[in-house]
Amino acid sequence: MASSDPLQRPVAAFLDDIAAATPAPGAGAVAATVAGLAAALVEMAARFSPSWDGSEGALADAQALRARLAPLAAADGDAYAGFLAARREGGDETAARDRIVEIPLEIAACAADTGSLARSLAENGNPNLRGEAVAAAHAASAAASIAARLVELNLEGGPDERLERARELARAAAGRAVDL
């Protein structure tokens, strides 16, 4: 991969990177990117909803979420590479595992927040951009679900409050997309 930041690559190259026989980028980068795309759709819908009192706040929140999500696509791959190295070289596996759990947990949290904003815009924003807000809610739900599943897989079945938190975030995001 030419760049460690998948979002700095052309989309076709990023897709090739995902499809390659390499451990990263993978599902975490995809979840972060999908959630970031959802936040961008929320931004668009908010920009076209100036008559809604909440549009400025939704715009600022969506921009902040997109900014939080953007580096998580690369961070997920870096964390996974660090985990593999710790396993291979006898490094601190616990710290490395914590990192591969915390990043998708952060993605799930951002995705759930994005889904909440998307639902607000779908219900209150410009009706001409309702489709974008609905798409954002569904994309955010998918991203949260992927991220929660990664938390579970990365914990390898061990009991952990982060797993329940990830599942709560995924359920919340899914609930925000329902009936839109």
N, C-alpha and C. Protein backbone atom coordinates (compact mmCIF):
# COMPACT_ATOMS: atom_id res chain seq x y z
N MET A 1 0.85 -1.17 0.00
CA MET A 1 0.00 0.00 0.00
C MET A 1 0.90 1.24 0.00
N ALA A 2 0.59 2.18 -0.87
CA ALA A 2 1.44 3.36 -1.05
C ALA A 2 1.33 4.35 0.12
N SER A 3 0.18 4.43 0.74
CA SER A 3 -0.03 5.39 1.82
C SER A 3 -0.63 4.65 3.01
N SER A 4 -0.18 4.99 4.23
CA SER A 4 -0.77 4.33 5.40
C SER A 4 -2.15 4.90 5.72
N ASP A 5 -2.52 6.02 5.10
CA ASP A 5 -3.84 6.60 5.30
C ASP A 5 -4.71 6.27 4.11
N PRO A 6 -5.63 5.33 4.27
CA PRO A 6 -6.46 4.92 3.14
C PRO A 6 -7.26 6.06 2.52
N LEU A 7 -7.61 7.05 3.32
CA LEU A 7 -8.42 8.14 2.79
C LEU A 7 -7.63 9.09 1.90
N GLN A 8 -6.32 8.94 1.86
CA GLN A 8 -5.50 9.75 0.97
C GLN A 8 -5.29 9.06 -0.38
N ARG A 9 -5.85 7.88 -0.53
CA ARG A 9 -5.71 7.11 -1.76
C ARG A 9 -6.92 7.32 -2.66
N PRO A 10 -6.75 7.22 -3.96
CA PRO A 10 -7.93 7.22 -4.84
C PRO A 10 -8.85 6.06 -4.44
N VAL A 11 -10.13 6.25 -4.64
CA VAL A 11 -11.10 5.22 -4.21
C VAL A 11 -10.78 3.87 -4.84
N ALA A 12 -10.46 3.84 -6.12
CA ALA A 12 -10.15 2.57 -6.78
C ALA A 12 -8.94 1.90 -6.13
N ALA A 13 -7.93 2.67 -5.76
CA ALA A 13 -6.75 2.11 -5.10
C ALA A 13 -7.09 1.61 -3.70
N PHE A 14 -7.94 2.34 -2.99
CA PHE A 14 -8.37 1.91 -1.66
C PHE A 14 -9.12 0.59 -1.76
N LEU A 15 -9.99 0.46 -2.75
CA LEU A 15 -10.71 -0.79 -2.95
C LEU A 15 -9.74 -1.93 -3.26
N ASP A 16 -8.73 -1.65 -4.09
CA ASP A 16 -7.71 -2.66 -4.37
C ASP A 16 -6.95 -3.04 -3.11
N ASP A 17 -6.65 -2.06 -2.27
CA ASP A 17 -5.95 -2.33 -1.01
C ASP A 17 -6.77 -3.26 -0.12
N ILE A 18 -8.06 -3.00 -0.05
CA ILE A 18 -8.93 -3.84 0.78
C ILE A 18 -8.98 -5.26 0.23
N ALA A 19 -9.03 -5.38 -1.09
CA ALA A 19 -9.14 -6.70 -1.72
C ALA A 19 -7.84 -7.48 -1.73
N ALA A 20 -6.74 -6.84 -1.45
CA ALA A 20 -5.42 -7.49 -1.52
C ALA A 20 -5.25 -8.55 -0.45
N ALA A 21 -4.28 -9.40 -0.67
CA ALA A 21 -3.96 -10.47 0.29
C ALA A 21 -3.05 -9.92 1.39
N THR A 22 -3.56 -8.90 2.09
CA THR A 22 -2.84 -8.29 3.21
C THR A 22 -3.81 -8.17 4.37
N PRO A 23 -3.31 -8.11 5.60
CA PRO A 23 -4.21 -8.04 6.75
C PRO A 23 -4.91 -6.69 6.92
N ALA A 24 -4.38 -5.65 6.29
CA ALA A 24 -5.00 -4.32 6.43
C ALA A 24 -4.73 -3.52 5.17
N PRO A 25 -5.62 -2.63 4.78
CA PRO A 25 -6.83 -2.26 5.50
C PRO A 25 -7.89 -3.35 5.40
N GLY A 26 -8.74 -3.36 6.40
CA GLY A 26 -9.79 -4.36 6.48
C GLY A 26 -11.09 -3.76 6.96
N ALA A 27 -11.80 -4.55 7.72
CA ALA A 27 -13.15 -4.17 8.14
C ALA A 27 -13.19 -2.90 8.98
N GLY A 28 -12.18 -2.67 9.80
CA GLY A 28 -12.16 -1.45 10.61
C GLY A 28 -12.04 -0.21 9.74
N ALA A 29 -11.17 -0.26 8.75
CA ALA A 29 -11.03 0.87 7.83
C ALA A 29 -12.31 1.08 7.04
N VAL A 30 -12.94 -0.01 6.66
CA VAL A 30 -14.22 0.10 5.94
C VAL A 30 -15.27 0.74 6.84
N ALA A 31 -15.37 0.28 8.08
CA ALA A 31 -16.36 0.84 9.01
C ALA A 31 -16.12 2.33 9.24
N ALA A 32 -14.87 2.71 9.45
CA ALA A 32 -14.56 4.13 9.66
C ALA A 32 -14.90 4.96 8.43
N THR A 33 -14.60 4.42 7.26
CA THR A 33 -14.88 5.14 6.01
C THR A 33 -16.38 5.27 5.79
N VAL A 34 -17.12 4.20 6.01
CA VAL A 34 -18.57 4.25 5.83
C VAL A 34 -19.19 5.25 6.81
N ALA A 35 -18.74 5.24 8.05
CA ALA A 35 -19.25 6.20 9.04
C ALA A 35 -18.86 7.62 8.64
N GLY A 36 -17.66 7.80 8.12
CA GLY A 36 -17.23 9.12 7.65
C GLY A 36 -18.07 9.60 6.47
N LEU A 37 -18.40 8.69 5.57
CA LEU A 37 -19.28 9.04 4.46
C LEU A 37 -20.68 9.43 4.97
N ALA A 38 -21.15 8.72 5.97
CA ALA A 38 -22.44 9.06 6.56
C ALA A 38 -22.40 10.46 7.17
N ALA A 39 -21.32 10.77 7.88
CA ALA A 39 -21.18 12.10 8.47
C ALA A 39 -21.14 13.17 7.38
N ALA A 40 -20.48 12.88 6.27
CA ALA A 40 -20.44 13.83 5.15
C ALA A 40 -21.83 14.06 4.57
N LEU A 41 -22.63 13.00 4.48
CA LEU A 41 -24.02 13.16 4.01
C LEU A 41 -24.83 14.02 4.98
N VAL A 42 -24.59 13.83 6.26
CA VAL A 42 -25.28 14.66 7.26
C VAL A 42 -24.88 16.13 7.08
N GLU A 43 -23.60 16.36 6.86
CA GLU A 43 -23.13 17.74 6.61
C GLU A 43 -23.87 18.34 5.42
N MET A 44 -23.96 17.58 4.34
CA MET A 44 -24.64 18.08 3.15
C MET A 44 -26.10 18.42 3.47
N ALA A 45 -26.78 17.50 4.12
CA ALA A 45 -28.20 17.73 4.44
C ALA A 45 -28.36 18.93 5.36
N ALA A 46 -27.45 19.11 6.29
CA ALA A 46 -27.53 20.26 7.21
C ALA A 46 -27.29 21.57 6.47
N ARG A 47 -26.38 21.57 5.52
CA ARG A 47 -26.10 22.79 4.74
C ARG A 47 -27.32 23.25 3.95
N PHE A 48 -28.13 22.29 3.54
CA PHE A 48 -29.32 22.61 2.75
C PHE A 48 -30.58 22.73 3.62
N SER A 49 -30.41 22.85 4.92
CA SER A 49 -31.55 22.95 5.84
C SER A 49 -31.48 24.18 6.71
N PRO A 50 -31.21 25.37 6.14
CA PRO A 50 -31.02 26.56 6.97
C PRO A 50 -32.28 26.99 7.72
N SER A 51 -33.45 26.55 7.26
CA SER A 51 -34.67 26.96 7.95
C SER A 51 -34.92 26.16 9.23
N TRP A 52 -34.20 25.05 9.42
CA TRP A 52 -34.33 24.27 10.63
C TRP A 52 -33.38 24.85 11.67
N ASP A 53 -33.90 25.14 12.85
CA ASP A 53 -33.09 25.75 13.91
C ASP A 53 -31.88 24.92 14.31
N GLY A 54 -31.97 23.63 14.16
CA GLY A 54 -30.87 22.75 14.58
C GLY A 54 -29.82 22.52 13.51
N SER A 55 -29.97 23.14 12.34
CA SER A 55 -29.06 22.83 11.23
C SER A 55 -27.62 23.24 11.51
N GLU A 56 -27.40 24.38 12.12
CA GLU A 56 -26.02 24.82 12.37
C GLU A 56 -25.32 23.89 13.36
N GLY A 57 -26.02 23.50 14.39
CA GLY A 57 -25.44 22.56 15.36
C GLY A 57 -25.19 21.20 14.73
N ALA A 58 -26.13 20.73 13.90
CA ALA A 58 -25.95 19.44 13.23
C ALA A 58 -24.75 19.50 12.29
N LEU A 59 -24.61 20.61 11.58
CA LEU A 59 -23.48 20.77 10.68
C LEU A 59 -22.16 20.71 11.45
N ALA A 60 -22.06 21.47 12.53
CA ALA A 60 -20.83 21.48 13.33
C ALA A 60 -20.54 20.10 13.92
N ASP A 61 -21.57 19.44 14.41
CA ASP A 61 -21.37 18.11 14.99
C ASP A 61 -20.94 17.10 13.93
N ALA A 62 -21.55 17.16 12.75
CA ALA A 62 -21.18 16.24 11.67
C ALA A 62 -19.75 16.49 11.22
N GLN A 63 -19.35 17.74 11.13
CA GLN A 63 -17.97 18.06 10.76
C GLN A 63 -16.99 17.48 11.80
N ALA A 64 -17.32 17.63 13.06
CA ALA A 64 -16.46 17.11 14.12
C ALA A 64 -16.39 15.59 14.07
N LEU A 65 -17.51 14.94 13.80
CA LEU A 65 -17.52 13.49 13.71
C LEU A 65 -16.69 13.01 12.52
N ARG A 66 -16.85 13.68 11.40
CA ARG A 66 -16.06 13.29 10.22
C ARG A 66 -14.57 13.45 10.51
N ALA A 67 -14.20 14.53 11.19
CA ALA A 67 -12.80 14.75 11.54
C ALA A 67 -12.28 13.68 12.51
N ARG A 68 -13.13 13.21 13.42
CA ARG A 68 -12.73 12.14 14.35
C ARG A 68 -12.59 10.81 13.62
N LEU A 69 -13.47 10.57 12.65
CA LEU A 69 -13.49 9.29 11.95
C LEU A 69 -12.34 9.14 10.95
N ALA A 70 -11.98 10.22 10.29
CA ALA A 70 -10.99 10.14 9.21
C ALA A 70 -9.70 9.43 9.63
N PRO A 71 -9.09 9.78 10.74
CA PRO A 71 -7.83 9.09 11.08
C PRO A 71 -8.04 7.66 11.59
N LEU A 72 -9.26 7.29 11.93
CA LEU A 72 -9.49 5.95 12.45
C LEU A 72 -9.35 4.86 11.39
N ALA A 73 -9.55 5.22 10.13
CA ALA A 73 -9.37 4.24 9.05
C ALA A 73 -7.92 3.76 9.02
N ALA A 74 -6.97 4.68 9.09
CA ALA A 74 -5.55 4.31 9.11
C ALA A 74 -5.16 3.72 10.46
N ALA A 75 -5.69 4.29 11.53
CA ALA A 75 -5.33 3.82 12.87
C ALA A 75 -5.71 2.36 13.07
N ASP A 76 -6.82 1.94 12.49
CA ASP A 76 -7.23 0.55 12.64
C ASP A 76 -6.20 -0.39 12.02
N GLY A 77 -5.76 -0.08 10.83
CA GLY A 77 -4.75 -0.92 10.18
C GLY A 77 -3.43 -0.91 10.93
N ASP A 78 -3.03 0.26 11.41
CA ASP A 78 -1.79 0.36 12.18
C ASP A 78 -1.87 -0.45 13.47
N ALA A 79 -3.03 -0.38 14.13
CA ALA A 79 -3.22 -1.13 15.37
C ALA A 79 -3.17 -2.63 15.12
N TYR A 80 -3.80 -3.06 14.04
CA TYR A 80 -3.80 -4.48 13.74
C TYR A 80 -2.39 -4.96 13.41
N ALA A 81 -1.64 -4.16 12.66
CA ALA A 81 -0.25 -4.52 12.37
C ALA A 81 0.55 -4.60 13.67
N GLY A 82 0.30 -3.69 14.60
CA GLY A 82 0.98 -3.72 15.89
C GLY A 82 0.62 -4.96 16.69
N PHE A 83 -0.64 -5.36 16.61
CA PHE A 83 -1.08 -6.56 17.32
C PHE A 83 -0.39 -7.80 16.74
N LEU A 84 -0.36 -7.89 15.42
CA LEU A 84 0.29 -9.03 14.78
C LEU A 84 1.78 -9.07 15.15
N ALA A 85 2.41 -7.91 15.17
CA ALA A 85 3.83 -7.84 15.53
C ALA A 85 4.04 -8.27 16.98
N ALA A 86 3.15 -7.83 17.87
CA ALA A 86 3.27 -8.22 19.29
C ALA A 86 3.14 -9.72 19.44
N ARG A 87 2.24 -10.32 18.72
CA ARG A 87 2.07 -11.78 18.77
C ARG A 87 3.30 -12.50 18.23
N ARG A 88 3.78 -12.02 17.13
CA ARG A 88 4.91 -12.66 16.45
C ARG A 88 6.22 -12.50 17.23
N GLU A 89 6.40 -11.31 17.81
CA GLU A 89 7.69 -10.98 18.43
C GLU A 89 7.67 -11.05 19.96
N GLY A 90 6.56 -11.46 20.52
CA GLY A 90 6.47 -11.56 21.97
C GLY A 90 6.35 -10.22 22.66
N GLY A 91 5.72 -9.25 22.01
CA GLY A 91 5.52 -7.93 22.60
C GLY A 91 4.35 -7.92 23.57
N ASP A 92 3.94 -6.75 23.94
CA ASP A 92 2.83 -6.57 24.89
C ASP A 92 1.50 -6.79 24.18
N GLU A 93 1.07 -8.05 24.18
CA GLU A 93 -0.17 -8.41 23.48
C GLU A 93 -1.40 -7.76 24.11
N THR A 94 -1.38 -7.58 25.42
CA THR A 94 -2.53 -6.98 26.10
C THR A 94 -2.75 -5.55 25.63
N ALA A 95 -1.69 -4.77 25.59
CA ALA A 95 -1.80 -3.39 25.12
C ALA A 95 -2.18 -3.35 23.65
N ALA A 96 -1.61 -4.25 22.86
CA ALA A 96 -1.93 -4.28 21.44
C ALA A 96 -3.39 -4.68 21.23
N ARG A 97 -3.88 -5.64 22.03
CA ARG A 97 -5.29 -6.03 21.91
C ARG A 97 -6.20 -4.88 22.33
N ASP A 98 -5.83 -4.19 23.39
CA ASP A 98 -6.64 -3.05 23.82
C ASP A 98 -6.80 -2.04 22.68
N ARG A 99 -5.73 -1.82 21.95
CA ARG A 99 -5.78 -0.86 20.83
C ARG A 99 -6.71 -1.34 19.72
N ILE A 100 -6.68 -2.66 19.40
CA ILE A 100 -7.55 -3.15 18.33
C ILE A 100 -9.00 -3.29 18.79
N VAL A 101 -9.23 -3.10 20.06
CA VAL A 101 -10.61 -3.04 20.58
C VAL A 101 -11.08 -1.59 20.68
N GLU A 102 -10.22 -0.72 21.16
CA GLU A 102 -10.61 0.69 21.37
C GLU A 102 -10.92 1.42 20.07
N ILE A 103 -10.20 1.12 19.02
CA ILE A 103 -10.44 1.83 17.76
C ILE A 103 -11.82 1.50 17.19
N PRO A 104 -12.21 0.24 17.04
CA PRO A 104 -13.57 0.00 16.55
C PRO A 104 -14.64 0.47 17.53
N LEU A 105 -14.32 0.48 18.82
CA LEU A 105 -15.28 1.03 19.79
C LEU A 105 -15.50 2.52 19.52
N GLU A 106 -14.43 3.24 19.22
CA GLU A 106 -14.54 4.66 18.88
C GLU A 106 -15.31 4.84 17.57
N ILE A 107 -15.08 3.97 16.61
CA ILE A 107 -15.83 4.03 15.35
C ILE A 107 -17.31 3.82 15.62
N ALA A 108 -17.65 2.85 16.46
CA ALA A 108 -19.05 2.59 16.79
C ALA A 108 -19.69 3.80 17.46
N ALA A 109 -18.96 4.45 18.36
CA ALA A 109 -19.50 5.63 19.04
C ALA A 109 -19.75 6.77 18.05
N CYS A 110 -18.79 7.01 17.18
CA CYS A 110 -18.96 8.06 16.17
C CYS A 110 -20.12 7.73 15.23
N ALA A 111 -20.21 6.48 14.84
CA ALA A 111 -21.29 6.06 13.94
C ALA A 111 -22.65 6.24 14.60
N ALA A 112 -22.76 5.88 15.88
CA ALA A 112 -24.04 6.06 16.59
C ALA A 112 -24.42 7.54 16.67
N ASP A 113 -23.45 8.39 16.96
CA ASP A 113 -23.72 9.83 17.00
C ASP A 113 -24.12 10.35 15.62
N THR A 114 -23.47 9.85 14.58
CA THR A 114 -23.81 10.25 13.22
C THR A 114 -25.24 9.82 12.89
N GLY A 115 -25.60 8.62 13.30
CA GLY A 115 -26.96 8.14 13.06
C GLY A 115 -28.00 9.01 13.74
N SER A 116 -27.70 9.48 14.93
CA SER A 116 -28.61 10.37 15.65
C SER A 116 -28.81 11.68 14.89
N LEU A 117 -27.71 12.26 14.43
CA LEU A 117 -27.81 13.50 13.65
C LEU A 117 -28.58 13.27 12.35
N ALA A 118 -28.30 12.14 11.72
CA ALA A 118 -28.98 11.83 10.45
C ALA A 118 -30.49 11.72 10.66
N ARG A 119 -30.88 11.06 11.73
CA ARG A 119 -32.31 10.92 12.01
C ARG A 119 -32.95 12.30 12.23
N SER A 120 -32.28 13.16 12.99
CA SER A 120 -32.80 14.51 13.22
C SER A 120 -32.99 15.26 11.92
N LEU A 121 -32.02 15.13 11.03
CA LEU A 121 -32.14 15.81 9.73
C LEU A 121 -33.22 15.19 8.86
N ALA A 122 -33.36 13.88 8.90
CA ALA A 122 -34.41 13.22 8.12
C ALA A 122 -35.79 13.69 8.58
N GLU A 123 -35.92 13.92 9.88
CA GLU A 123 -37.21 14.33 10.44
C GLU A 123 -37.45 15.83 10.37
N ASN A 124 -36.39 16.64 10.45
CA ASN A 124 -36.56 18.09 10.58
C ASN A 124 -35.93 18.92 9.48
N GLY A 125 -35.04 18.33 8.73
CA GLY A 125 -34.28 19.09 7.74
C GLY A 125 -35.06 19.30 6.45
N ASN A 126 -34.35 19.77 5.47
CA ASN A 126 -34.90 20.03 4.14
C ASN A 126 -35.45 18.72 3.57
N PRO A 127 -36.74 18.67 3.23
CA PRO A 127 -37.32 17.43 2.71
C PRO A 127 -36.67 16.97 1.40
N ASN A 128 -36.09 17.90 0.66
CA ASN A 128 -35.42 17.53 -0.58
C ASN A 128 -34.13 16.75 -0.34
N LEU A 129 -33.60 16.81 0.89
CA LEU A 129 -32.38 16.10 1.24
C LEU A 129 -32.67 14.95 2.21
N ARG A 130 -33.94 14.60 2.34
CA ARG A 130 -34.30 13.52 3.25
C ARG A 130 -33.62 12.21 2.85
N GLY A 131 -33.53 11.97 1.56
CA GLY A 131 -32.88 10.74 1.09
C GLY A 131 -31.43 10.64 1.56
N GLU A 132 -30.72 11.76 1.54
CA GLU A 132 -29.34 11.76 2.01
C GLU A 132 -29.27 11.49 3.51
N ALA A 133 -30.18 12.10 4.25
CA ALA A 133 -30.20 11.89 5.70
C ALA A 133 -30.56 10.43 6.03
N VAL A 134 -31.51 9.87 5.31
CA VAL A 134 -31.89 8.47 5.52
C VAL A 134 -30.72 7.56 5.17
N ALA A 135 -30.07 7.83 4.05
CA ALA A 135 -28.90 7.02 3.66
C ALA A 135 -27.81 7.12 4.73
N ALA A 136 -27.61 8.31 5.26
CA ALA A 136 -26.61 8.50 6.31
C ALA A 136 -26.96 7.68 7.54
N ALA A 137 -28.22 7.66 7.92
CA ALA A 137 -28.64 6.88 9.10
C ALA A 137 -28.37 5.39 8.89
N HIS A 138 -28.68 4.90 7.70
CA HIS A 138 -28.47 3.48 7.42
C HIS A 138 -26.98 3.14 7.31
N ALA A 139 -26.22 4.02 6.70
CA ALA A 139 -24.77 3.79 6.60
C ALA A 139 -24.14 3.81 7.99
N ALA A 140 -24.56 4.75 8.82
CA ALA A 140 -24.04 4.83 10.19
C ALA A 140 -24.39 3.56 10.96
N SER A 141 -25.59 3.05 10.76
CA SER A 141 -26.00 1.82 11.43
C SER A 141 -25.12 0.65 11.00
N ALA A 142 -24.87 0.55 9.70
CA ALA A 142 -24.01 -0.53 9.20
C ALA A 142 -22.60 -0.41 9.79
N ALA A 143 -22.06 0.80 9.80
CA ALA A 143 -20.71 1.02 10.34
C ALA A 143 -20.64 0.66 11.82
N ALA A 144 -21.66 1.05 12.58
CA ALA A 144 -21.67 0.72 14.01
C ALA A 144 -21.76 -0.78 14.23
N SER A 145 -22.55 -1.45 13.42
CA SER A 145 -22.68 -2.90 13.53
C SER A 145 -21.36 -3.61 13.21
N ILE A 146 -20.69 -3.18 12.15
CA ILE A 146 -19.39 -3.75 11.80
C ILE A 146 -18.40 -3.53 12.94
N ALA A 147 -18.34 -2.30 13.43
CA ALA A 147 -17.39 -1.97 14.48
C ALA A 147 -17.66 -2.77 15.75
N ALA A 148 -18.93 -2.92 16.11
CA ALA A 148 -19.27 -3.70 17.31
C ALA A 148 -18.84 -5.16 17.15
N ARG A 149 -19.05 -5.68 15.98
CA ARG A 149 -18.64 -7.07 15.73
C ARG A 149 -17.11 -7.20 15.82
N LEU A 150 -16.39 -6.20 15.33
CA LEU A 150 -14.93 -6.23 15.44
C LEU A 150 -14.49 -6.19 16.90
N VAL A 151 -15.16 -5.40 17.70
CA VAL A 151 -14.83 -5.39 19.14
C VAL A 151 -14.98 -6.80 19.69
N GLU A 152 -16.08 -7.44 19.36
CA GLU A 152 -16.32 -8.80 19.85
C GLU A 152 -15.24 -9.77 19.37
N LEU A 153 -14.94 -9.74 18.09
CA LEU A 153 -13.94 -10.65 17.54
C LEU A 153 -12.55 -10.37 18.11
N ASN A 154 -12.22 -9.11 18.28
CA ASN A 154 -10.89 -8.75 18.78
C ASN A 154 -10.72 -9.09 20.26
N LEU A 155 -11.83 -9.16 20.98
CA LEU A 155 -11.75 -9.59 22.38
C LEU A 155 -11.64 -11.10 22.50
N GLU A 156 -11.89 -11.80 21.40
CA GLU A 156 -11.82 -13.26 21.36
C GLU A 156 -12.66 -13.92 22.44
N GLY A 157 -13.86 -13.38 22.64
CA GLY A 157 -14.81 -14.02 23.53
C GLY A 157 -14.62 -13.75 25.01
N GLY A 158 -13.61 -13.02 25.37
CA GLY A 158 -13.41 -12.73 26.78
C GLY A 158 -14.43 -11.73 27.30
N PRO A 159 -14.84 -11.84 28.56
CA PRO A 159 -15.80 -10.88 29.11
C PRO A 159 -15.16 -9.50 29.22
N ASP A 160 -15.91 -8.50 28.84
CA ASP A 160 -15.36 -7.15 28.82
C ASP A 160 -16.51 -6.17 28.67
N GLU A 161 -16.50 -5.10 29.47
CA GLU A 161 -17.58 -4.11 29.38
C GLU A 161 -17.57 -3.37 28.06
N ARG A 162 -16.43 -3.35 27.37
CA ARG A 162 -16.36 -2.69 26.06
C ARG A 162 -17.24 -3.39 25.04
N LEU A 163 -17.39 -4.68 25.18
CA LEU A 163 -18.25 -5.41 24.25
C LEU A 163 -19.70 -4.98 24.43
N GLU A 164 -20.16 -4.90 25.65
CA GLU A 164 -21.54 -4.46 25.87
C GLU A 164 -21.74 -3.04 25.39
N ARG A 165 -20.77 -2.18 25.61
CA ARG A 165 -20.85 -0.79 25.13
C ARG A 165 -20.94 -0.76 23.60
N ALA A 166 -20.13 -1.55 22.93
CA ALA A 166 -20.16 -1.61 21.47
C ALA A 166 -21.52 -2.10 20.98
N ARG A 167 -22.05 -3.10 21.64
CA ARG A 167 -23.37 -3.62 21.25
C ARG A 167 -24.46 -2.59 21.47
N GLU A 168 -24.38 -1.85 22.57
CA GLU A 168 -25.35 -0.77 22.84
C GLU A 168 -25.29 0.29 21.74
N LEU A 169 -24.10 0.66 21.35
CA LEU A 169 -23.94 1.67 20.30
C LEU A 169 -24.52 1.17 18.97
N ALA A 170 -24.27 -0.08 18.63
CA ALA A 170 -24.81 -0.65 17.40
C ALA A 170 -26.33 -0.70 17.44
N ARG A 171 -26.89 -1.09 18.59
CA ARG A 171 -28.36 -1.12 18.72
C ARG A 171 -28.94 0.28 18.59
N ALA A 172 -28.28 1.27 19.20
CA ALA A 172 -28.76 2.66 19.12
C ALA A 172 -28.73 3.15 17.69
N ALA A 173 -27.64 2.88 16.99
CA ALA A 173 -27.53 3.31 15.59
C ALA A 173 -28.59 2.63 14.73
N ALA A 174 -28.82 1.35 14.96
CA ALA A 174 -29.84 0.63 14.19
C ALA A 174 -31.22 1.21 14.47
N GLY A 175 -31.48 1.54 15.73
CA GLY A 175 -32.78 2.12 16.10
C GLY A 175 -33.04 3.46 15.45
N ARG A 176 -31.98 4.20 15.22
CA ARG A 176 -32.14 5.52 14.58
C ARG A 176 -32.45 5.40 13.09
N ALA A 177 -32.09 4.29 12.50
CA ALA A 177 -32.35 4.08 11.06
C ALA A 177 -33.71 3.46 10.80
N VAL A 178 -34.31 2.87 11.83
CA VAL A 178 -35.58 2.17 11.66
C VAL A 178 -36.69 3.14 11.28
N ASP A 179 -37.51 2.73 10.35
CA ASP A 179 -38.73 3.47 9.95
C ASP A 179 -38.44 4.84 9.35
N LEU A 180 -37.28 5.05 8.80
CA LEU A 180 -37.02 6.32 8.12
C LEU A 180 -37.42 6.22 6.67
